[in-house]
Amino acid sequence: MATAASVGSVALCGGVSMVPPIGGDPRQPLKALSLGAFRILAAVADTVCPGNDELPSAWALQVPEAVDHQLDRMHPGNALELAQALWLVENPVAGTLLDQRPRRFTAATPAERARVLDRWRTSQLPPRRTAYRALSGLIAASYWAHPDTYAFVGYPGPPRFPT
């Protein structure tokens, strides 16, 4: 649940930025996230599931929209905390203080983004590790639940029952 201190810390670290995150627009109406948080999520999703010659990227499978849909089904406090974590990932002030990264996440190269997320994954700060696990878990679940990924893991798809 979001506390006044956690909301205040996001505001102090630039949760509301004068410079919007870089990224694409959602392909369906957003349910839980702001446009800025969606763009950060899209960058995180393409870092967690970038795709390759055989697999499409998270963006190609509309994973950011799927995660937004899942966040809409969660308790509003949990969705708010995940949105706050996205803004902290994006924020160059927090990045400078915690990771010596004075750039916004959405303006970073794919390799820089991967390093940032690895720092969140291995952070000495438990809330950062928890936020990483929550975000990467939602992203990975949405990615691998997409039918275009089934063949890659040898899953034939859900059973078809006679109607």
N, C-alpha and C. Protein backbone atom coordinates (compact mmCIF):
# COMPACT_ATOMS: atom_id res chain seq x y z
N MET A 1 0.86 -1.17 0.00
CA MET A 1 0.00 0.00 0.00
C MET A 1 0.90 1.22 0.00
N ALA A 2 0.57 2.21 -0.75
CA ALA A 2 1.35 3.44 -0.83
C ALA A 2 1.15 4.23 0.45
N THR A 3 2.24 4.74 0.97
CA THR A 3 2.18 5.59 2.15
C THR A 3 2.48 7.01 1.73
N ALA A 4 2.19 7.95 2.63
CA ALA A 4 2.50 9.34 2.33
C ALA A 4 3.99 9.51 2.10
N ALA A 5 4.80 8.78 2.86
CA ALA A 5 6.25 8.88 2.68
C ALA A 5 6.69 8.36 1.32
N SER A 6 6.09 7.24 0.86
CA SER A 6 6.50 6.70 -0.44
C SER A 6 6.05 7.60 -1.57
N VAL A 7 4.85 8.17 -1.46
CA VAL A 7 4.39 9.11 -2.49
C VAL A 7 5.27 10.34 -2.48
N GLY A 8 5.61 10.83 -1.29
CA GLY A 8 6.48 12.00 -1.18
C GLY A 8 7.87 11.74 -1.74
N SER A 9 8.39 10.54 -1.52
CA SER A 9 9.73 10.24 -2.04
C SER A 9 9.74 10.20 -3.56
N VAL A 10 8.66 9.73 -4.16
CA VAL A 10 8.58 9.72 -5.61
C VAL A 10 8.52 11.15 -6.13
N ALA A 11 7.73 11.99 -5.48
CA ALA A 11 7.64 13.39 -5.91
C ALA A 11 9.00 14.07 -5.74
N LEU A 12 9.69 13.82 -4.64
CA LEU A 12 11.00 14.41 -4.40
C LEU A 12 12.00 13.97 -5.44
N CYS A 13 11.95 12.72 -5.85
CA CYS A 13 12.89 12.19 -6.83
C CYS A 13 12.43 12.43 -8.26
N GLY A 14 11.40 13.22 -8.44
CA GLY A 14 11.00 13.57 -9.80
C GLY A 14 10.00 12.63 -10.42
N GLY A 15 9.13 12.05 -9.60
CA GLY A 15 8.10 11.18 -10.16
C GLY A 15 7.25 11.91 -11.17
N VAL A 16 7.13 13.21 -11.01
CA VAL A 16 6.45 14.05 -11.99
C VAL A 16 7.56 14.83 -12.67
N SER A 17 7.80 14.53 -13.90
CA SER A 17 8.93 15.09 -14.63
C SER A 17 8.45 16.10 -15.65
N MET A 18 9.27 17.11 -15.86
CA MET A 18 8.98 18.09 -16.91
C MET A 18 9.29 17.49 -18.28
N VAL A 19 10.13 16.47 -18.32
CA VAL A 19 10.51 15.83 -19.58
C VAL A 19 9.81 14.46 -19.64
N PRO A 20 8.91 14.27 -20.58
CA PRO A 20 8.19 12.99 -20.61
C PRO A 20 9.11 11.84 -21.04
N PRO A 21 8.81 10.64 -20.57
CA PRO A 21 9.59 9.48 -21.00
C PRO A 21 9.49 9.29 -22.51
N ILE A 22 10.55 8.74 -23.06
CA ILE A 22 10.61 8.46 -24.49
C ILE A 22 9.95 7.10 -24.73
N GLY A 23 9.16 7.00 -25.77
CA GLY A 23 8.59 5.69 -26.09
C GLY A 23 7.34 5.80 -26.91
N GLY A 24 6.83 4.64 -27.26
CA GLY A 24 5.65 4.57 -28.10
C GLY A 24 4.37 4.76 -27.32
N ASP A 25 3.33 4.99 -28.06
CA ASP A 25 2.01 5.15 -27.46
C ASP A 25 1.31 3.81 -27.36
N PRO A 26 0.45 3.65 -26.37
CA PRO A 26 -0.29 2.39 -26.23
C PRO A 26 -1.20 2.16 -27.44
N ARG A 27 -1.39 0.90 -27.76
CA ARG A 27 -2.22 0.54 -28.90
C ARG A 27 -3.66 0.24 -28.49
N GLN A 28 -3.95 0.37 -27.22
CA GLN A 28 -5.31 0.28 -26.72
C GLN A 28 -5.42 1.20 -25.51
N PRO A 29 -6.61 1.58 -25.11
CA PRO A 29 -6.74 2.52 -23.99
C PRO A 29 -6.10 1.97 -22.71
N LEU A 30 -5.39 2.85 -22.00
CA LEU A 30 -4.77 2.44 -20.74
C LEU A 30 -5.83 2.35 -19.65
N LYS A 31 -5.62 1.39 -18.76
CA LYS A 31 -6.58 1.16 -17.68
C LYS A 31 -6.02 1.56 -16.32
N ALA A 32 -4.72 1.38 -16.10
CA ALA A 32 -4.16 1.62 -14.77
C ALA A 32 -3.00 2.60 -14.78
N LEU A 33 -2.28 2.70 -15.86
CA LEU A 33 -1.07 3.51 -15.92
C LEU A 33 -1.29 4.82 -16.65
N SER A 34 -0.49 5.81 -16.29
CA SER A 34 -0.45 7.04 -17.07
C SER A 34 0.36 6.77 -18.33
N LEU A 35 0.28 7.67 -19.30
CA LEU A 35 1.05 7.51 -20.53
C LEU A 35 2.55 7.45 -20.23
N GLY A 36 3.02 8.31 -19.33
CA GLY A 36 4.44 8.29 -18.98
C GLY A 36 4.87 6.98 -18.36
N ALA A 37 4.08 6.48 -17.40
CA ALA A 37 4.42 5.21 -16.76
C ALA A 37 4.36 4.07 -17.77
N PHE A 38 3.41 4.13 -18.70
CA PHE A 38 3.32 3.11 -19.75
C PHE A 38 4.60 3.10 -20.59
N ARG A 39 5.10 4.27 -20.96
CA ARG A 39 6.31 4.32 -21.78
C ARG A 39 7.52 3.76 -21.04
N ILE A 40 7.59 4.02 -19.75
CA ILE A 40 8.69 3.45 -18.94
C ILE A 40 8.53 1.93 -18.90
N LEU A 41 7.31 1.47 -18.65
CA LEU A 41 7.03 0.03 -18.63
C LEU A 41 7.43 -0.62 -19.95
N ALA A 42 7.12 0.04 -21.06
CA ALA A 42 7.46 -0.52 -22.38
C ALA A 42 8.97 -0.69 -22.51
N ALA A 43 9.74 0.29 -22.02
CA ALA A 43 11.20 0.19 -22.08
C ALA A 43 11.70 -0.93 -21.17
N VAL A 44 11.12 -1.06 -19.99
CA VAL A 44 11.50 -2.14 -19.08
C VAL A 44 11.14 -3.49 -19.71
N ALA A 45 9.95 -3.58 -20.29
CA ALA A 45 9.50 -4.85 -20.89
C ALA A 45 10.42 -5.28 -22.03
N ASP A 46 10.81 -4.33 -22.87
CA ASP A 46 11.70 -4.70 -23.98
C ASP A 46 13.12 -4.99 -23.50
N THR A 47 13.45 -4.60 -22.29
CA THR A 47 14.74 -4.97 -21.71
C THR A 47 14.66 -6.36 -21.10
N VAL A 48 13.56 -6.66 -20.44
CA VAL A 48 13.37 -7.98 -19.82
C VAL A 48 13.15 -9.04 -20.90
N CYS A 49 12.38 -8.72 -21.92
CA CYS A 49 12.05 -9.66 -23.01
C CYS A 49 12.32 -8.98 -24.35
N PRO A 50 13.60 -8.86 -24.73
CA PRO A 50 13.93 -8.10 -25.94
C PRO A 50 13.62 -8.82 -27.25
N GLY A 51 13.41 -10.10 -27.19
CA GLY A 51 13.21 -10.85 -28.42
C GLY A 51 14.55 -11.13 -29.10
N ASN A 52 14.50 -11.93 -30.16
CA ASN A 52 15.68 -12.25 -30.95
C ASN A 52 15.22 -12.71 -32.33
N ASP A 53 16.06 -13.41 -33.05
CA ASP A 53 15.67 -13.84 -34.40
C ASP A 53 14.46 -14.78 -34.39
N GLU A 54 14.29 -15.52 -33.29
CA GLU A 54 13.20 -16.49 -33.22
C GLU A 54 11.99 -15.98 -32.45
N LEU A 55 12.23 -15.08 -31.52
CA LEU A 55 11.15 -14.61 -30.66
C LEU A 55 10.88 -13.12 -30.88
N PRO A 56 9.62 -12.71 -30.88
CA PRO A 56 9.30 -11.29 -30.99
C PRO A 56 9.62 -10.57 -29.68
N SER A 57 9.76 -9.26 -29.75
CA SER A 57 10.01 -8.46 -28.56
C SER A 57 8.73 -8.32 -27.74
N ALA A 58 8.89 -7.87 -26.52
CA ALA A 58 7.72 -7.60 -25.66
C ALA A 58 6.81 -6.56 -26.31
N TRP A 59 7.42 -5.55 -26.94
CA TRP A 59 6.61 -4.53 -27.60
C TRP A 59 5.78 -5.14 -28.72
N ALA A 60 6.39 -6.01 -29.52
CA ALA A 60 5.68 -6.63 -30.64
C ALA A 60 4.49 -7.46 -30.17
N LEU A 61 4.58 -8.04 -28.98
CA LEU A 61 3.49 -8.87 -28.44
C LEU A 61 2.52 -8.07 -27.58
N GLN A 62 2.67 -6.75 -27.54
CA GLN A 62 1.82 -5.88 -26.74
C GLN A 62 1.84 -6.23 -25.25
N VAL A 63 3.01 -6.63 -24.77
CA VAL A 63 3.16 -6.96 -23.36
C VAL A 63 2.90 -5.76 -22.46
N PRO A 64 3.36 -4.55 -22.80
CA PRO A 64 3.05 -3.42 -21.90
C PRO A 64 1.55 -3.22 -21.70
N GLU A 65 0.77 -3.39 -22.75
CA GLU A 65 -0.69 -3.27 -22.62
C GLU A 65 -1.25 -4.40 -21.76
N ALA A 66 -0.70 -5.61 -21.90
CA ALA A 66 -1.16 -6.74 -21.09
C ALA A 66 -0.85 -6.50 -19.61
N VAL A 67 0.32 -5.94 -19.32
CA VAL A 67 0.67 -5.65 -17.92
C VAL A 67 -0.25 -4.55 -17.38
N ASP A 68 -0.52 -3.53 -18.18
CA ASP A 68 -1.46 -2.49 -17.75
C ASP A 68 -2.81 -3.10 -17.40
N HIS A 69 -3.27 -4.04 -18.21
CA HIS A 69 -4.54 -4.73 -17.93
C HIS A 69 -4.46 -5.49 -16.61
N GLN A 70 -3.33 -6.17 -16.37
CA GLN A 70 -3.17 -6.91 -15.10
C GLN A 70 -3.14 -5.94 -13.92
N LEU A 71 -2.46 -4.81 -14.07
CA LEU A 71 -2.41 -3.82 -12.99
C LEU A 71 -3.80 -3.29 -12.66
N ASP A 72 -4.65 -3.17 -13.67
CA ASP A 72 -6.02 -2.70 -13.46
C ASP A 72 -6.83 -3.69 -12.63
N ARG A 73 -6.43 -4.95 -12.65
CA ARG A 73 -7.15 -5.98 -11.89
C ARG A 73 -6.59 -6.15 -10.47
N MET A 74 -5.48 -5.50 -10.18
CA MET A 74 -4.86 -5.60 -8.85
C MET A 74 -5.49 -4.59 -7.90
N HIS A 75 -5.13 -4.75 -6.64
CA HIS A 75 -5.51 -3.74 -5.65
C HIS A 75 -4.90 -2.41 -6.09
N PRO A 76 -5.65 -1.32 -6.04
CA PRO A 76 -5.12 -0.04 -6.51
C PRO A 76 -3.82 0.38 -5.83
N GLY A 77 -3.64 0.02 -4.58
CA GLY A 77 -2.39 0.36 -3.88
C GLY A 77 -1.19 -0.35 -4.48
N ASN A 78 -1.37 -1.61 -4.87
CA ASN A 78 -0.27 -2.36 -5.49
C ASN A 78 0.08 -1.78 -6.85
N ALA A 79 -0.95 -1.46 -7.63
CA ALA A 79 -0.71 -0.86 -8.94
C ALA A 79 0.00 0.49 -8.80
N LEU A 80 -0.39 1.27 -7.80
CA LEU A 80 0.25 2.56 -7.56
C LEU A 80 1.73 2.37 -7.21
N GLU A 81 2.03 1.41 -6.36
CA GLU A 81 3.42 1.17 -5.98
C GLU A 81 4.25 0.73 -7.18
N LEU A 82 3.70 -0.09 -8.05
CA LEU A 82 4.44 -0.49 -9.25
C LEU A 82 4.66 0.71 -10.18
N ALA A 83 3.66 1.58 -10.30
CA ALA A 83 3.83 2.79 -11.11
C ALA A 83 4.91 3.68 -10.50
N GLN A 84 4.94 3.79 -9.18
CA GLN A 84 5.98 4.58 -8.52
C GLN A 84 7.35 3.98 -8.78
N ALA A 85 7.45 2.66 -8.74
CA ALA A 85 8.73 2.01 -9.04
C ALA A 85 9.17 2.32 -10.46
N LEU A 86 8.24 2.33 -11.40
CA LEU A 86 8.59 2.68 -12.78
C LEU A 86 9.17 4.09 -12.86
N TRP A 87 8.57 5.03 -12.16
CA TRP A 87 9.08 6.40 -12.18
C TRP A 87 10.47 6.48 -11.53
N LEU A 88 10.72 5.67 -10.53
CA LEU A 88 12.06 5.66 -9.93
C LEU A 88 13.09 5.04 -10.86
N VAL A 89 12.68 4.04 -11.63
CA VAL A 89 13.58 3.47 -12.63
C VAL A 89 13.94 4.55 -13.66
N GLU A 90 12.98 5.33 -14.06
CA GLU A 90 13.17 6.36 -15.09
C GLU A 90 14.00 7.54 -14.60
N ASN A 91 13.87 7.89 -13.35
CA ASN A 91 14.37 9.15 -12.82
C ASN A 91 15.89 9.26 -12.83
N PRO A 92 16.44 10.30 -13.48
CA PRO A 92 17.89 10.45 -13.51
C PRO A 92 18.50 10.89 -12.18
N VAL A 93 17.72 11.56 -11.33
CA VAL A 93 18.24 11.94 -10.01
C VAL A 93 18.44 10.69 -9.16
N ALA A 94 17.40 9.85 -9.11
CA ALA A 94 17.53 8.59 -8.37
C ALA A 94 18.60 7.72 -9.00
N GLY A 95 18.67 7.69 -10.33
CA GLY A 95 19.69 6.91 -11.02
C GLY A 95 21.10 7.38 -10.69
N THR A 96 21.28 8.69 -10.58
CA THR A 96 22.59 9.23 -10.23
C THR A 96 22.96 8.86 -8.80
N LEU A 97 22.01 9.03 -7.89
CA LEU A 97 22.29 8.75 -6.48
C LEU A 97 22.53 7.27 -6.21
N LEU A 98 21.75 6.41 -6.86
CA LEU A 98 21.82 4.98 -6.56
C LEU A 98 22.73 4.19 -7.49
N ASP A 99 22.88 4.65 -8.73
CA ASP A 99 23.59 3.84 -9.72
C ASP A 99 24.64 4.62 -10.53
N GLN A 100 24.90 5.86 -10.18
CA GLN A 100 25.82 6.69 -10.97
C GLN A 100 25.38 6.75 -12.43
N ARG A 101 24.05 6.87 -12.64
CA ARG A 101 23.46 6.92 -13.98
C ARG A 101 22.67 8.21 -14.11
N PRO A 102 23.26 9.24 -14.71
CA PRO A 102 22.57 10.53 -14.79
C PRO A 102 21.63 10.68 -15.99
N ARG A 103 21.16 9.58 -16.55
CA ARG A 103 20.25 9.60 -17.70
C ARG A 103 18.93 8.95 -17.35
N ARG A 104 17.92 9.38 -18.04
CA ARG A 104 16.62 8.73 -17.89
C ARG A 104 16.72 7.32 -18.48
N PHE A 105 15.99 6.40 -17.90
CA PHE A 105 15.99 5.01 -18.36
C PHE A 105 15.55 4.92 -19.81
N THR A 106 14.50 5.64 -20.18
CA THR A 106 13.98 5.54 -21.54
C THR A 106 14.92 6.17 -22.57
N ALA A 107 15.89 6.96 -22.13
CA ALA A 107 16.86 7.56 -23.05
C ALA A 107 18.15 6.74 -23.13
N ALA A 108 18.24 5.68 -22.35
CA ALA A 108 19.46 4.85 -22.30
C ALA A 108 19.48 3.84 -23.44
N THR A 109 20.66 3.34 -23.73
CA THR A 109 20.82 2.29 -24.74
C THR A 109 20.30 0.97 -24.15
N PRO A 110 20.02 -0.03 -24.98
CA PRO A 110 19.59 -1.33 -24.45
C PRO A 110 20.59 -1.93 -23.45
N ALA A 111 21.87 -1.78 -23.71
CA ALA A 111 22.88 -2.32 -22.79
C ALA A 111 22.84 -1.58 -21.45
N GLU A 112 22.68 -0.26 -21.50
CA GLU A 112 22.58 0.52 -20.26
C GLU A 112 21.32 0.14 -19.49
N ARG A 113 20.23 -0.05 -20.20
CA ARG A 113 18.98 -0.46 -19.54
C ARG A 113 19.15 -1.80 -18.84
N ALA A 114 19.81 -2.73 -19.50
CA ALA A 114 20.04 -4.05 -18.89
C ALA A 114 20.87 -3.92 -17.62
N ARG A 115 21.89 -3.06 -17.64
CA ARG A 115 22.71 -2.85 -16.45
C ARG A 115 21.89 -2.23 -15.31
N VAL A 116 21.03 -1.27 -15.65
CA VAL A 116 20.18 -0.64 -14.64
C VAL A 116 19.29 -1.69 -13.98
N LEU A 117 18.63 -2.49 -14.78
CA LEU A 117 17.73 -3.50 -14.21
C LEU A 117 18.50 -4.55 -13.41
N ASP A 118 19.71 -4.86 -13.83
CA ASP A 118 20.52 -5.79 -13.05
C ASP A 118 20.88 -5.19 -11.70
N ARG A 119 21.12 -3.89 -11.66
CA ARG A 119 21.38 -3.23 -10.37
C ARG A 119 20.15 -3.27 -9.48
N TRP A 120 18.98 -3.12 -10.08
CA TRP A 120 17.76 -3.25 -9.28
C TRP A 120 17.63 -4.69 -8.77
N ARG A 121 17.91 -5.65 -9.61
CA ARG A 121 17.79 -7.07 -9.24
C ARG A 121 18.72 -7.44 -8.10
N THR A 122 19.92 -6.89 -8.09
CA THR A 122 20.94 -7.25 -7.10
C THR A 122 21.14 -6.18 -6.04
N SER A 123 20.25 -5.22 -5.94
CA SER A 123 20.40 -4.10 -5.02
C SER A 123 20.50 -4.54 -3.56
N GLN A 124 21.21 -3.75 -2.78
CA GLN A 124 21.27 -3.97 -1.33
C GLN A 124 19.99 -3.49 -0.66
N LEU A 125 19.17 -2.74 -1.40
CA LEU A 125 17.93 -2.20 -0.85
C LEU A 125 16.78 -3.16 -1.18
N PRO A 126 16.20 -3.80 -0.17
CA PRO A 126 15.13 -4.76 -0.43
C PRO A 126 13.96 -4.21 -1.26
N PRO A 127 13.52 -2.97 -1.08
CA PRO A 127 12.41 -2.49 -1.93
C PRO A 127 12.75 -2.47 -3.42
N ARG A 128 14.00 -2.20 -3.75
CA ARG A 128 14.38 -2.22 -5.17
C ARG A 128 14.33 -3.65 -5.71
N ARG A 129 14.84 -4.62 -4.94
CA ARG A 129 14.79 -6.01 -5.39
C ARG A 129 13.35 -6.48 -5.53
N THR A 130 12.50 -6.09 -4.57
CA THR A 130 11.09 -6.47 -4.63
C THR A 130 10.41 -5.85 -5.84
N ALA A 131 10.67 -4.59 -6.11
CA ALA A 131 10.08 -3.92 -7.28
C ALA A 131 10.55 -4.60 -8.56
N TYR A 132 11.83 -4.95 -8.64
CA TYR A 132 12.34 -5.64 -9.82
C TYR A 132 11.61 -6.97 -10.03
N ARG A 133 11.48 -7.74 -8.96
CA ARG A 133 10.81 -9.05 -9.07
C ARG A 133 9.35 -8.88 -9.51
N ALA A 134 8.68 -7.88 -8.96
CA ALA A 134 7.28 -7.66 -9.32
C ALA A 134 7.16 -7.26 -10.79
N LEU A 135 7.95 -6.30 -11.22
CA LEU A 135 7.88 -5.84 -12.61
C LEU A 135 8.30 -6.93 -13.58
N SER A 136 9.45 -7.55 -13.33
CA SER A 136 9.92 -8.58 -14.26
C SER A 136 9.00 -9.78 -14.27
N GLY A 137 8.40 -10.11 -13.13
CA GLY A 137 7.47 -11.23 -13.08
C GLY A 137 6.21 -10.97 -13.89
N LEU A 138 5.64 -9.77 -13.76
CA LEU A 138 4.45 -9.43 -14.55
C LEU A 138 4.77 -9.41 -16.04
N ILE A 139 5.92 -8.86 -16.37
CA ILE A 139 6.33 -8.78 -17.77
C ILE A 139 6.55 -10.18 -18.34
N ALA A 140 7.33 -11.00 -17.64
CA ALA A 140 7.62 -12.35 -18.14
C ALA A 140 6.36 -13.19 -18.24
N ALA A 141 5.47 -13.09 -17.26
CA ALA A 141 4.23 -13.86 -17.31
C ALA A 141 3.38 -13.45 -18.50
N SER A 142 3.29 -12.15 -18.75
CA SER A 142 2.51 -11.67 -19.89
C SER A 142 3.16 -12.07 -21.21
N TYR A 143 4.48 -12.04 -21.25
CA TYR A 143 5.21 -12.39 -22.47
C TYR A 143 5.01 -13.87 -22.81
N TRP A 144 5.29 -14.74 -21.85
CA TRP A 144 5.24 -16.19 -22.13
C TRP A 144 3.82 -16.72 -22.21
N ALA A 145 2.84 -15.93 -21.79
CA ALA A 145 1.44 -16.33 -21.94
C ALA A 145 0.90 -16.04 -23.34
N HIS A 146 1.67 -15.32 -24.12
CA HIS A 146 1.23 -14.98 -25.48
C HIS A 146 1.38 -16.19 -26.39
N PRO A 147 0.38 -16.50 -27.21
CA PRO A 147 0.46 -17.68 -28.09
C PRO A 147 1.67 -17.69 -29.03
N ASP A 148 2.20 -16.53 -29.40
CA ASP A 148 3.36 -16.51 -30.29
C ASP A 148 4.65 -17.03 -29.64
N THR A 149 4.63 -17.25 -28.34
CA THR A 149 5.83 -17.77 -27.66
C THR A 149 5.71 -19.27 -27.36
N TYR A 150 4.54 -19.85 -27.53
CA TYR A 150 4.32 -21.25 -27.14
C TYR A 150 5.30 -22.20 -27.82
N ALA A 151 5.46 -22.09 -29.11
CA ALA A 151 6.29 -23.04 -29.86
C ALA A 151 7.74 -23.00 -29.39
N PHE A 152 8.22 -21.85 -28.97
CA PHE A 152 9.60 -21.72 -28.56
C PHE A 152 9.92 -22.60 -27.35
N VAL A 153 8.95 -22.80 -26.48
CA VAL A 153 9.17 -23.64 -25.29
C VAL A 153 8.55 -25.02 -25.44
N GLY A 154 8.03 -25.33 -26.63
CA GLY A 154 7.48 -26.66 -26.89
C GLY A 154 6.08 -26.85 -26.35
N TYR A 155 5.39 -25.78 -26.06
CA TYR A 155 4.03 -25.88 -25.56
C TYR A 155 3.06 -25.88 -26.74
N PRO A 156 2.22 -26.88 -26.85
CA PRO A 156 1.32 -26.93 -28.01
C PRO A 156 0.14 -25.99 -27.89
N GLY A 157 -0.03 -25.37 -26.76
CA GLY A 157 -1.18 -24.49 -26.53
C GLY A 157 -2.19 -25.15 -25.65
N PRO A 158 -3.16 -24.38 -25.21
CA PRO A 158 -4.17 -24.95 -24.32
C PRO A 158 -4.98 -26.03 -25.05
N PRO A 159 -5.49 -26.98 -24.30
CA PRO A 159 -6.27 -28.04 -24.93
C PRO A 159 -7.56 -27.48 -25.53
N ARG A 160 -7.99 -28.12 -26.60
CA ARG A 160 -9.26 -27.73 -27.22
C ARG A 160 -10.30 -28.75 -26.80
N PHE A 161 -11.34 -28.27 -26.22
CA PHE A 161 -12.42 -29.14 -25.79
C PHE A 161 -13.58 -29.03 -26.78
N PRO A 162 -14.24 -30.14 -27.02
CA PRO A 162 -15.40 -30.08 -27.92
C PRO A 162 -16.48 -29.18 -27.32
N THR A 163 -17.14 -28.47 -28.19
CA THR A 163 -18.21 -27.59 -27.70
C THR A 163 -19.57 -28.16 -27.92
